[in-house]
Amino acid sequence: MKNVLVVDDDEKICWAFEQFLESEGFAPSIANNAEEGLRKIQAEQPDVIFLDVRLPGMSGLDALEQIKELQSNAAVVIMTAYDDVETTIEAMRLHAFDFLSKPIDLEAVKAVLDRASKTQTERRRIADGTTSDVESSVDPSASTTGEQGHRLVGKSEPMREIYKLIGVMASNTITVLIEGDTGTGKELIARAIHANSSRKDGPFISVNCGALPDELLESELFGYEAGAFTGAKAKGKPGRFELAEGGTLFLDEVSNMSPALQIKLQRALQEQEIERLGGTRTLKTNVRVLAATNQDLAEMSKLGLFRQDLYYRFKRLAIHLPPLRERTEDIPLLVDHFLNLISAELGKTITGVSDDCLGLLKGYDWPGNVRELENALRSAAVLSRSDVILPEHLPPDIASHEHKFDPNQALLEQSLESILHATVKEALSHEREMLYDEIINAVDSALIRLAINTFDKNQTETAKLLGISRTTLAQRIKKLGLDLGNS
C-alpha cells in the first residue's frame, strides 16, 4: 500500500500532507477539487484517499459515492473542520474508512494509514482477493432528532465512534443491542439507526419492557385474538410487531423479560413470524428489532436469568453508550442544546450558564447521565430570575458535589439488581412474604463467610473490615447459625 491521494482545496493542508506522506515512505498525489480527484482515482488507483467534505463544486460526500463505484476497495478517509452528527453518520453509511476532524493530527493520520495497510493485507489474504460494498438507498438528509426535539449531541471521541457505528448499522437490517446506563440516551441511538436506514419511511415502535407486567407485555408485543383472556376486545388487537411492519421495533430494557417471553421473542427473531395470544394463525413479519439494556446481559445469561441463545443473537452487533462522566467534554454542547429546548418549553430566554456553573457541571459525576443533566438544567432555569444560570440555581448535590461516583459500588448494585430481579419475581408468583429479611440474611451470610475466611477466622480483623464491632459480628454469626470455627 503506497499510493495515497489527498483531495483538499487548502494548499497548506495539501503541502503538509505531501511532506508527511513522503517522509513515511508513501507516494502522495494531490487534487484540489472532487472532479480532479475522480480523474486521478481512475488514472492512479490510489489505495488510500483523504477527502475533504467542503470542496468547490462537488462535495466530498457526493464524490464518496462515485469513488466507491470507481474503486470500492479504496480506504476513503473523510476530513472536515465542520463535522456534525449527520455528516459523520452519512460518511460512515457510505462506507468511509474513517472520519478525521480538522485541524488534522498527523498521529491520527499515521494510525489510519496503519489500519488501512492491515486491512489491505487481510483483503489480499482472502482467497478471491475481492470484497463488495453493498450500496444503500438511504436518504442522506435523514434526521437523528427524537421526540421533543432531542437529538444526539457530542463531539467527544466516544461519541464520534458511536456516530460511526450508527452509520455502519444503518446500512443493514441485523438485530442490534444498545448497552448503557440509565439516562444515557439509548432510544436516541435506536431512532438514529432507524432514521438513517432503508426503513426510515416505516414506523418506529418503542416498547418499555420494564414498565409492563409479563402478561400485558406479551399481548402488547404479539397482540391477541378475541376472547384470548377476560377483557379482551371483541375484534382482538394487533401487537407491536404487527404495528412495526416494514419498520423498526425498539425493545427498551429487554433484560426485564421473563424466560417464557424470551422464548417467544427468540422464535419471532429466528423465524420472522409470530402468533397472537390465543390465536392459531402464524403471521409473517418484516420488522427490524433494536434492543436496549442497562444490565449486564452476559452476566445475566451466565446466571440463567437471560436466555443465552437470545443474548448471542443480540450481541452480534452491539453499541455501548458511554456514561456522561466519560465524556465530560460534551457537557457544554449538551448544556446549549438543552437550554434551547428548555427556553422554548418555559417561554423564557436562557442564554447560558456562568463559568462557575459550567465548572460545577463538568466536575459532577452524573449518575443519572444525560437525563439528569437535562432535569438539573430545567429546574435551574425555573429558579433563575435572569437569562443566566448561576451555581445557586443548581440542585444542592450538584452545587456541593456531595455525590461522588464509586464505580465499585455501581457495579455491586448492578450485579445485585440482576440477581434479585428473578428472586423478586419468584416471590411474587408464590406470594411469599418476609423477602427483605431473607435477602439481607443471605447477603450477610455470604459476606461474613468471605470476610472471615480472608482473615483466617480472625473476627477482630473481620469486624474492622466490615465496619462493625466484634460483638455485633459475633451476634450476627450466632443469629445466622454460621459454623465458622473458632477465631
Protein backbone atom coordinates (compact mmCIF):
# COMPACT_ATOMS: atom_id res chain seq x y z
CA MET A 1 0.00 0.00 0.00
CA LYS A 2 1.90 3.03 -1.29
CA ASN A 3 -0.34 5.33 -3.34
CA VAL A 4 -2.21 7.98 -1.34
CA LEU A 5 -4.44 10.70 -2.79
CA VAL A 6 -5.29 13.88 -0.87
CA VAL A 7 -8.32 15.85 -2.12
CA ASP A 8 -8.48 19.27 -0.44
CA ASP A 9 -8.74 22.87 -1.61
CA ASP A 10 -6.47 24.16 1.19
CA GLU A 11 -2.94 24.40 -0.24
CA LYS A 12 -1.31 24.44 3.21
CA ILE A 13 -3.03 21.21 4.21
CA CYS A 14 -2.03 19.61 0.91
CA TRP A 15 1.59 20.67 1.37
CA ALA A 16 1.66 19.33 4.95
CA PHE A 17 0.17 16.01 3.80
CA GLU A 18 2.68 15.78 0.96
CA GLN A 19 5.67 16.34 3.25
CA PHE A 20 4.39 13.91 5.87
CA LEU A 21 3.46 11.15 3.43
CA GLU A 22 6.81 11.31 1.63
CA SER A 23 8.64 11.11 4.97
CA GLU A 24 6.63 7.97 5.80
CA GLY A 25 7.50 6.32 2.51
CA PHE A 26 4.22 6.87 0.65
CA ALA A 27 3.72 8.21 -2.87
CA PRO A 28 1.34 11.18 -2.43
CA SER A 29 -0.87 12.70 -5.10
CA ILE A 30 -2.79 15.97 -4.70
CA ALA A 31 -6.15 17.15 -6.08
CA ASN A 32 -7.78 20.48 -5.22
CA ASN A 33 -11.36 19.55 -6.03
CA ALA A 34 -13.56 16.47 -6.29
CA GLU A 35 -13.66 16.40 -10.09
CA GLU A 36 -9.86 16.40 -10.33
CA GLY A 37 -9.73 13.79 -7.59
CA LEU A 38 -12.08 11.46 -9.51
CA ARG A 39 -9.90 11.74 -12.61
CA LYS A 40 -6.79 10.88 -10.61
CA ILE A 41 -8.54 7.94 -8.98
CA GLN A 42 -9.31 6.48 -12.41
CA ALA A 43 -5.75 7.03 -13.60
CA GLU A 44 -3.73 6.19 -10.46
CA GLN A 45 -5.92 3.76 -8.47
CA PRO A 46 -4.77 5.03 -5.03
CA ASP A 47 -5.00 2.70 -2.02
CA VAL A 48 -5.96 5.45 0.44
CA ILE A 49 -7.86 8.69 -0.23
CA PHE A 50 -8.09 11.59 2.23
CA LEU A 51 -11.18 13.52 1.13
CA ASP A 52 -12.37 16.91 2.40
CA VAL A 53 -16.14 17.40 2.77
CA ARG A 54 -16.41 21.04 1.71
CA LEU A 55 -14.88 21.43 -1.73
CA PRO A 56 -15.51 23.85 -4.61
CA GLY A 57 -18.07 22.27 -6.91
CA MET A 58 -18.94 18.69 -6.00
CA SER A 59 -18.95 17.98 -2.24
CA GLY A 60 -16.80 15.31 -0.66
CA LEU A 61 -19.82 13.18 0.29
CA ASP A 62 -21.14 13.26 -3.28
CA ALA A 63 -17.67 12.32 -4.51
CA LEU A 64 -17.52 9.48 -1.97
CA GLU A 65 -20.46 7.73 -3.64
CA GLN A 66 -18.72 7.91 -7.03
CA ILE A 67 -15.38 6.81 -5.57
CA LYS A 68 -16.99 3.64 -4.22
CA GLU A 69 -18.23 2.88 -7.73
CA LEU A 70 -14.81 3.52 -9.28
CA GLN A 71 -12.68 1.78 -6.67
CA SER A 72 -14.71 0.01 -3.99
CA ASN A 73 -11.68 -1.26 -2.06
CA ALA A 74 -10.02 2.12 -1.57
CA ALA A 75 -9.87 3.32 2.04
CA VAL A 76 -11.58 6.73 1.93
CA VAL A 77 -10.97 8.95 4.96
CA ILE A 78 -13.36 11.90 5.26
CA MET A 79 -11.92 15.18 6.61
CA THR A 80 -13.76 18.31 7.71
CA ALA A 81 -13.50 21.30 10.02
CA TYR A 82 -17.30 21.47 10.21
CA ASP A 83 -18.13 18.00 11.47
CA ASP A 84 -21.58 17.25 12.84
CA VAL A 85 -23.61 14.19 13.70
CA GLU A 86 -25.37 13.89 10.34
CA THR A 87 -22.15 14.29 8.32
CA THR A 88 -20.34 11.65 10.36
CA ILE A 89 -23.21 9.17 10.12
CA GLU A 90 -23.67 9.76 6.39
CA ALA A 91 -19.95 9.34 5.69
CA MET A 92 -19.85 6.01 7.53
CA ARG A 93 -23.09 4.88 5.89
CA LEU A 94 -21.42 5.46 2.53
CA HIS A 95 -18.60 3.16 3.68
CA ALA A 96 -15.95 5.73 4.51
CA PHE A 97 -12.96 4.06 6.14
CA ASP A 98 -12.72 6.70 8.86
CA PHE A 99 -13.56 10.31 9.74
CA LEU A 100 -10.97 12.91 10.81
CA SER A 101 -11.63 16.39 12.16
CA LYS A 102 -9.55 19.43 11.27
CA PRO A 103 -7.07 20.62 12.30
CA ILE A 104 -5.55 17.33 11.22
CA ASP A 105 -3.50 15.42 13.78
CA LEU A 106 -0.66 13.70 11.90
CA GLU A 107 -0.50 10.96 14.52
CA ALA A 108 -4.14 10.21 13.75
CA VAL A 109 -3.27 10.14 10.04
CA LYS A 110 -0.47 7.67 10.73
CA ALA A 111 -2.83 5.48 12.76
CA VAL A 112 -5.37 5.49 9.92
CA LEU A 113 -2.67 4.56 7.39
CA ASP A 114 -1.53 1.69 9.61
CA ARG A 115 -5.08 0.35 9.87
CA ALA A 116 -5.64 0.77 6.14
CA SER A 117 -2.43 -1.14 5.44
CA LYS A 118 -3.52 -4.01 7.71
CA THR A 119 -6.91 -4.05 6.03
CA GLN A 120 -5.35 -4.27 2.58
CA THR A 121 -3.08 -7.09 3.76
CA GLU A 122 -6.02 -9.07 5.13
CA ARG A 123 -8.02 -8.41 1.98
CA ARG A 124 -5.24 -9.82 -0.20
CA ARG A 125 -5.01 -12.83 2.11
CA ILE A 126 -8.58 -13.80 1.28
CA ALA A 127 -8.70 -16.40 -1.47
CA ASP A 128 -10.60 -14.42 -4.07
CA GLY A 129 -8.95 -11.15 -3.11
CA THR A 130 -12.13 -9.11 -3.58
CA THR A 131 -14.87 -7.62 -1.48
CA SER A 132 -18.11 -5.99 -2.48
CA ASP A 133 -19.63 -2.92 -0.96
CA VAL A 134 -23.38 -3.06 -0.53
CA GLU A 135 -24.93 0.17 -1.70
CA SER A 136 -27.80 1.62 0.30
CA SER A 137 -30.73 3.78 -0.75
CA VAL A 138 -30.79 5.75 2.50
CA ASP A 139 -31.66 9.42 2.19
CA PRO A 140 -28.58 11.34 3.44
CA SER A 141 -30.84 14.06 4.86
CA ALA A 142 -32.41 11.61 7.33
CA SER A 143 -32.82 13.23 10.72
CA THR A 144 -31.45 11.91 14.00
CA THR A 145 -33.86 14.01 16.03
CA GLY A 146 -36.08 12.18 18.52
CA GLU A 147 -39.20 13.24 20.35
CA GLN A 148 -39.47 16.69 21.95
CA GLY A 149 -36.60 17.90 19.74
CA HIS A 150 -33.99 15.76 21.49
CA ARG A 151 -31.09 14.70 19.31
CA LEU A 152 -27.65 13.19 19.57
CA VAL A 153 -25.18 15.78 20.85
CA GLY A 154 -21.45 15.49 21.37
CA LYS A 155 -18.06 15.68 19.65
CA SER A 156 -16.04 13.66 22.15
CA GLU A 157 -14.08 10.69 20.87
CA PRO A 158 -16.51 8.14 22.38
CA MET A 159 -19.45 9.85 20.66
CA ARG A 160 -17.61 10.08 17.33
CA GLU A 161 -17.17 6.32 17.46
CA ILE A 162 -20.89 5.95 18.25
CA TYR A 163 -21.80 8.01 15.17
CA LYS A 164 -19.61 5.80 13.01
CA LEU A 165 -21.29 2.68 14.37
CA ILE A 166 -24.73 4.18 13.71
CA GLY A 167 -23.76 4.77 10.09
CA VAL A 168 -22.48 1.22 9.69
CA MET A 169 -25.50 -0.37 11.38
CA ALA A 170 -27.98 1.77 9.47
CA SER A 171 -26.85 0.14 6.22
CA ASN A 172 -28.12 -3.33 7.21
CA THR A 173 -31.11 -4.88 8.99
CA ILE A 174 -29.45 -7.11 11.59
CA THR A 175 -30.60 -7.00 15.24
CA VAL A 176 -28.63 -4.51 17.36
CA LEU A 177 -28.13 -4.36 21.13
CA ILE A 178 -27.65 -0.90 22.66
CA GLU A 179 -25.98 -1.08 26.07
CA GLY A 180 -25.62 1.77 28.52
CA ASP A 181 -26.53 3.16 31.91
CA THR A 182 -29.97 4.62 32.56
CA GLY A 183 -30.30 8.11 31.10
CA THR A 184 -27.52 7.86 28.51
CA GLY A 185 -29.87 8.16 25.52
CA LYS A 186 -30.25 4.61 24.23
CA GLU A 187 -33.55 5.33 22.50
CA LEU A 188 -31.99 8.25 20.64
CA ILE A 189 -29.38 5.85 19.27
CA ALA A 190 -32.15 3.49 18.15
CA ARG A 191 -34.03 6.33 16.48
CA ALA A 192 -30.86 7.48 14.71
CA ILE A 193 -30.24 3.98 13.32
CA HIS A 194 -33.86 3.81 12.11
CA ALA A 195 -33.86 7.34 10.66
CA ASN A 196 -30.73 6.64 8.59
CA SER A 197 -31.79 3.18 7.42
CA SER A 198 -33.73 1.94 4.42
CA ARG A 199 -36.69 1.54 6.81
CA LYS A 200 -36.85 5.22 7.66
CA ASP A 201 -40.23 5.64 5.95
CA GLY A 202 -41.66 2.79 8.02
CA PRO A 203 -42.89 3.05 11.63
CA PHE A 204 -40.63 3.27 14.68
CA ILE A 205 -42.39 1.48 17.54
CA SER A 206 -40.97 1.63 21.07
CA VAL A 207 -41.82 -0.71 23.96
CA ASN A 208 -40.50 -0.37 27.51
CA CYS A 209 -40.25 -3.99 28.64
CA GLY A 210 -39.60 -2.95 32.22
CA ALA A 211 -42.79 -0.90 32.55
CA LEU A 212 -45.26 -3.70 31.86
CA PRO A 213 -46.04 -6.96 33.71
CA ASP A 214 -45.30 -10.13 31.72
CA GLU A 215 -48.91 -10.91 30.76
CA LEU A 216 -49.54 -7.42 29.44
CA LEU A 217 -46.13 -7.24 27.73
CA GLU A 218 -46.83 -10.45 25.81
CA SER A 219 -50.13 -9.14 24.47
CA GLU A 220 -48.53 -5.77 23.68
CA LEU A 221 -45.76 -7.39 21.65
CA PHE A 222 -47.66 -10.14 19.86
CA GLY A 223 -51.26 -8.95 20.03
CA TYR A 224 -54.27 -11.09 20.91
CA GLU A 225 -57.37 -12.63 19.36
CA ALA A 226 -60.93 -12.05 20.52
CA GLY A 227 -61.64 -13.96 23.74
CA ALA A 228 -57.96 -14.68 24.45
CA PHE A 229 -58.48 -13.54 28.04
CA THR A 230 -61.04 -11.80 30.23
CA GLY A 231 -61.48 -8.25 28.99
CA ALA A 232 -60.01 -8.89 25.52
CA LYS A 233 -61.54 -6.72 22.82
CA ALA A 234 -64.20 -8.33 20.66
CA LYS A 235 -62.11 -7.93 17.50
CA GLY A 236 -58.75 -8.70 19.08
CA LYS A 237 -55.81 -6.33 18.84
CA PRO A 238 -52.60 -6.24 16.76
CA GLY A 239 -49.32 -6.27 18.72
CA ARG A 240 -46.29 -4.05 18.37
CA PHE A 241 -44.64 -6.49 15.94
CA GLU A 242 -47.56 -6.01 13.56
CA LEU A 243 -47.64 -2.25 14.09
CA ALA A 244 -43.91 -2.06 13.28
CA GLU A 245 -44.30 -3.93 9.97
CA GLY A 246 -41.81 -2.58 7.44
CA GLY A 247 -40.10 -0.51 10.12
CA THR A 248 -38.26 -0.86 13.42
CA LEU A 249 -39.31 -2.26 16.80
CA PHE A 250 -37.32 -0.91 19.75
CA LEU A 251 -37.35 -3.07 22.90
CA ASP A 252 -36.13 -0.95 25.79
CA GLU A 253 -34.90 -2.68 28.97
CA VAL A 254 -35.16 -6.07 27.29
CA SER A 255 -33.42 -7.67 30.30
CA ASN A 256 -36.72 -7.43 32.22
CA MET A 257 -38.44 -10.01 30.01
CA SER A 258 -39.44 -13.26 31.67
CA PRO A 259 -37.80 -16.52 30.43
CA ALA A 260 -41.09 -17.63 28.85
CA LEU A 261 -41.42 -14.40 26.90
CA GLN A 262 -37.76 -14.57 25.88
CA ILE A 263 -38.52 -17.91 24.19
CA LYS A 264 -41.32 -16.33 22.14
CA LEU A 265 -39.09 -13.39 21.21
CA GLN A 266 -36.26 -15.70 20.15
CA ARG A 267 -38.66 -17.60 17.89
CA ALA A 268 -40.02 -14.38 16.40
CA LEU A 269 -36.49 -13.21 15.58
CA GLN A 270 -35.38 -16.60 14.28
CA GLU A 271 -38.40 -17.43 12.14
CA GLN A 272 -39.61 -13.90 11.34
CA GLU A 273 -43.11 -14.92 12.36
CA ILE A 274 -45.42 -14.56 15.36
CA GLU A 275 -48.69 -15.85 16.76
CA ARG A 276 -51.19 -13.66 18.54
CA LEU A 277 -52.13 -14.54 22.11
CA GLY A 278 -54.99 -17.06 21.89
CA GLY A 279 -54.53 -17.36 18.14
CA THR A 280 -53.86 -20.30 15.83
CA ARG A 281 -52.60 -18.43 12.75
CA THR A 282 -48.91 -17.80 12.06
CA LEU A 283 -48.24 -14.24 10.92
CA LYS A 284 -45.14 -13.41 8.89
CA THR A 285 -43.29 -10.27 9.97
CA ASN A 286 -40.89 -7.85 8.33
CA VAL A 287 -39.50 -5.98 11.33
CA ARG A 288 -36.04 -4.92 12.40
CA VAL A 289 -35.56 -5.28 16.15
CA LEU A 290 -33.30 -2.98 18.15
CA ALA A 291 -32.93 -3.77 21.86
CA ALA A 292 -31.51 -1.80 24.79
CA THR A 293 -30.49 -2.65 28.33
CA ASN A 294 -28.80 -1.09 31.34
CA GLN A 295 -27.96 -4.53 32.70
CA ASP A 296 -25.02 -6.85 32.03
CA LEU A 297 -26.68 -9.41 29.77
CA ALA A 298 -23.53 -11.52 29.62
CA GLU A 299 -23.57 -11.95 33.39
CA MET A 300 -27.33 -12.48 33.45
CA SER A 301 -27.04 -15.24 30.83
CA LYS A 302 -24.33 -16.96 32.90
CA LEU A 303 -26.62 -16.85 35.94
CA GLY A 304 -29.53 -18.28 33.94
CA LEU A 305 -31.54 -15.05 34.15
CA PHE A 306 -31.42 -14.39 30.40
CA ARG A 307 -31.50 -16.97 27.62
CA GLN A 308 -28.04 -17.49 26.14
CA ASP A 309 -29.30 -18.04 22.58
CA LEU A 310 -31.20 -14.75 22.72
CA TYR A 311 -28.19 -12.96 24.26
CA TYR A 312 -25.88 -14.21 21.49
CA ARG A 313 -28.36 -13.05 18.87
CA PHE A 314 -28.44 -9.56 20.39
CA LYS A 315 -24.68 -9.44 20.96
CA ARG A 316 -23.77 -9.98 17.30
CA LEU A 317 -23.90 -6.22 16.82
CA ALA A 318 -23.70 -4.03 19.91
CA ILE A 319 -23.24 -0.36 20.70
CA HIS A 320 -22.04 0.58 24.17
CA LEU A 321 -23.18 4.08 25.03
CA PRO A 322 -20.69 5.67 27.45
CA PRO A 323 -21.89 7.35 30.66
CA LEU A 324 -21.72 11.13 30.76
CA ARG A 325 -18.82 11.07 33.25
CA GLU A 326 -16.68 9.52 30.48
CA ARG A 327 -17.39 12.33 28.01
CA THR A 328 -17.46 15.49 30.07
CA GLU A 329 -16.10 17.49 27.12
CA ASP A 330 -19.59 17.16 25.59
CA ILE A 331 -21.26 18.87 28.56
CA PRO A 332 -21.02 22.45 27.15
CA LEU A 333 -22.67 21.26 23.90
CA LEU A 334 -25.37 19.42 25.83
CA VAL A 335 -25.98 22.48 28.01
CA ASP A 336 -26.53 24.68 24.93
CA HIS A 337 -28.82 22.09 23.36
CA PHE A 338 -30.97 21.59 26.45
CA LEU A 339 -31.20 25.30 27.23
CA ASN A 340 -32.61 25.90 23.74
CA LEU A 341 -35.29 23.26 24.35
CA ILE A 342 -35.99 24.47 27.90
CA SER A 343 -36.26 28.11 26.83
CA ALA A 344 -38.95 27.20 24.31
CA GLU A 345 -40.70 24.97 26.84
CA LEU A 346 -40.78 27.61 29.61
CA GLY A 347 -41.37 30.59 27.33
CA LYS A 348 -38.31 32.41 28.70
CA THR A 349 -34.88 33.03 27.26
CA ILE A 350 -31.94 31.33 28.99
CA THR A 351 -28.77 32.36 27.19
CA GLY A 352 -26.35 30.15 29.08
CA VAL A 353 -24.65 29.26 32.35
CA SER A 354 -21.93 31.13 34.21
CA ASP A 355 -18.33 29.89 34.08
CA ASP A 356 -18.52 28.78 37.73
CA CYS A 357 -21.73 26.93 36.98
CA LEU A 358 -20.22 25.20 33.95
CA GLY A 359 -17.24 24.17 36.09
CA LEU A 360 -19.62 22.52 38.57
CA LEU A 361 -21.49 20.75 35.79
CA LYS A 362 -18.26 19.40 34.30
CA GLY A 363 -16.97 18.32 37.70
CA TYR A 364 -20.07 16.41 38.77
CA ASP A 365 -20.25 12.62 38.31
CA TRP A 366 -23.77 12.45 36.76
CA PRO A 367 -25.01 9.06 37.99
CA GLY A 368 -28.26 9.82 36.11
CA ASN A 369 -26.29 10.74 32.97
CA VAL A 370 -27.69 12.99 30.22
CA ARG A 371 -31.23 12.76 31.55
CA GLU A 372 -30.10 14.01 34.96
CA LEU A 373 -28.26 16.92 33.30
CA GLU A 374 -31.40 17.91 31.41
CA ASN A 375 -33.53 17.78 34.55
CA ALA A 376 -30.96 19.75 36.54
CA LEU A 377 -30.90 22.49 33.90
CA ARG A 378 -34.69 22.57 33.73
CA SER A 379 -35.05 23.11 37.50
CA ALA A 380 -32.23 25.69 37.44
CA ALA A 381 -33.94 27.57 34.60
CA VAL A 382 -37.15 27.72 36.62
CA LEU A 383 -35.28 29.12 39.65
CA SER A 384 -33.21 31.63 37.68
CA ARG A 385 -34.63 35.12 37.57
CA SER A 386 -32.36 36.23 34.74
CA ASP A 387 -31.21 34.77 31.45
CA VAL A 388 -28.12 33.21 33.01
CA ILE A 389 -27.97 30.16 35.31
CA LEU A 390 -25.70 30.58 38.35
CA PRO A 391 -24.35 27.93 40.79
CA GLU A 392 -27.01 28.73 43.38
CA HIS A 393 -29.71 27.72 40.89
CA LEU A 394 -28.36 24.16 40.61
CA PRO A 395 -29.65 21.27 42.74
CA PRO A 396 -27.73 21.12 46.06
CA ASP A 397 -25.99 17.79 45.43
CA ILE A 398 -24.54 19.12 42.17
CA ALA A 399 -23.60 22.53 43.57
CA SER A 400 -21.82 20.99 46.58
CA HIS A 401 -20.50 17.84 44.88
CA GLU A 402 -21.95 15.79 47.71
CA HIS A 403 -22.44 12.82 45.41
CA LYS A 404 -19.21 11.09 44.45
CA PHE A 405 -19.39 8.26 41.98
CA ASP A 406 -17.93 4.96 43.16
CA PRO A 407 -17.54 2.55 40.20
CA ASN A 408 -17.22 -0.45 42.53
CA GLN A 409 -20.43 0.49 44.32
CA ALA A 410 -22.23 0.94 41.00
CA LEU A 411 -21.02 -2.45 39.76
CA LEU A 412 -22.11 -4.10 43.01
CA GLU A 413 -25.57 -2.54 42.81
CA GLN A 414 -25.93 -3.52 39.15
CA SER A 415 -24.92 -7.13 39.85
CA LEU A 416 -27.26 -7.39 42.83
CA GLU A 417 -30.13 -5.93 40.83
CA SER A 418 -29.60 -8.52 38.09
CA ILE A 419 -29.61 -11.38 40.62
CA LEU A 420 -32.52 -10.09 42.71
CA HIS A 421 -34.76 -9.43 39.71
CA ALA A 422 -35.59 -13.12 39.36
CA THR A 423 -35.85 -13.60 43.14
CA VAL A 424 -38.44 -10.85 43.49
CA LYS A 425 -40.48 -12.19 40.56
CA GLU A 426 -40.41 -15.70 42.00
CA ALA A 427 -41.51 -14.42 45.43
CA LEU A 428 -44.43 -12.54 43.86
CA SER A 429 -45.59 -15.56 41.89
CA HIS A 430 -45.60 -17.73 45.06
CA GLU A 431 -47.00 -14.97 47.29
CA ARG A 432 -44.03 -15.24 49.63
CA GLU A 433 -43.52 -12.66 52.39
CA MET A 434 -40.62 -11.54 54.61
CA LEU A 435 -38.47 -11.23 51.49
CA TYR A 436 -36.40 -8.38 52.96
CA ASP A 437 -35.15 -10.43 55.94
CA GLU A 438 -34.49 -13.44 53.70
CA ILE A 439 -32.32 -11.46 51.28
CA ILE A 440 -30.49 -9.47 53.98
CA ASN A 441 -29.66 -12.69 55.84
CA ALA A 442 -28.42 -14.33 52.64
CA VAL A 443 -26.17 -11.36 51.82
CA ASP A 444 -24.93 -11.20 55.43
CA SER A 445 -24.08 -14.92 55.43
CA ALA A 446 -22.15 -14.75 52.16
CA LEU A 447 -20.31 -11.55 53.13
CA ILE A 448 -19.34 -12.74 56.63
CA ARG A 449 -18.13 -16.11 55.33
CA LEU A 450 -15.99 -14.44 52.67
CA ALA A 451 -14.57 -11.81 55.03
CA ILE A 452 -13.79 -14.12 57.94
CA ASN A 453 -12.11 -16.68 55.66
CA THR A 454 -9.99 -13.89 54.22
CA PHE A 455 -8.57 -13.27 57.73
CA ASP A 456 -8.26 -16.98 58.61
CA LYS A 457 -11.16 -16.88 61.12
CA ASN A 458 -9.86 -13.73 62.88
CA GLN A 459 -13.05 -12.00 63.99
CA THR A 460 -11.30 -8.82 65.14
CA GLU A 461 -9.86 -8.12 61.68
CA THR A 462 -13.11 -9.22 60.05
CA ALA A 463 -15.15 -6.77 62.16
CA LYS A 464 -12.73 -3.97 61.25
CA LEU A 465 -13.13 -4.70 57.53
CA LEU A 466 -16.92 -4.78 57.79
CA GLY A 467 -17.04 -1.60 59.87
CA ILE A 468 -18.91 -3.17 62.80
CA SER A 469 -17.94 -4.10 66.34
CA ARG A 470 -16.65 -7.57 67.19
CA THR A 471 -19.72 -8.02 69.43
CA THR A 472 -22.08 -7.22 66.56
CA LEU A 473 -20.20 -9.62 64.32
CA ALA A 474 -20.47 -12.41 66.90
CA GLN A 475 -24.20 -11.72 67.28
CA ARG A 476 -24.76 -11.92 63.53
CA ILE A 477 -22.79 -15.17 63.28
CA LYS A 478 -24.90 -16.67 66.06
CA LYS A 479 -28.21 -15.39 64.65
CA LEU A 480 -27.41 -16.72 61.17
CA GLY A 481 -26.23 -20.04 62.56
CA LEU A 482 -22.90 -19.85 60.75
CA ASP A 483 -20.42 -22.61 61.59
CA LEU A 484 -17.13 -20.78 61.08
CA GLY A 485 -14.92 -22.45 63.68
CA ASN A 486 -13.10 -20.65 66.50
CA SER A 487 -11.14 -17.46 65.87
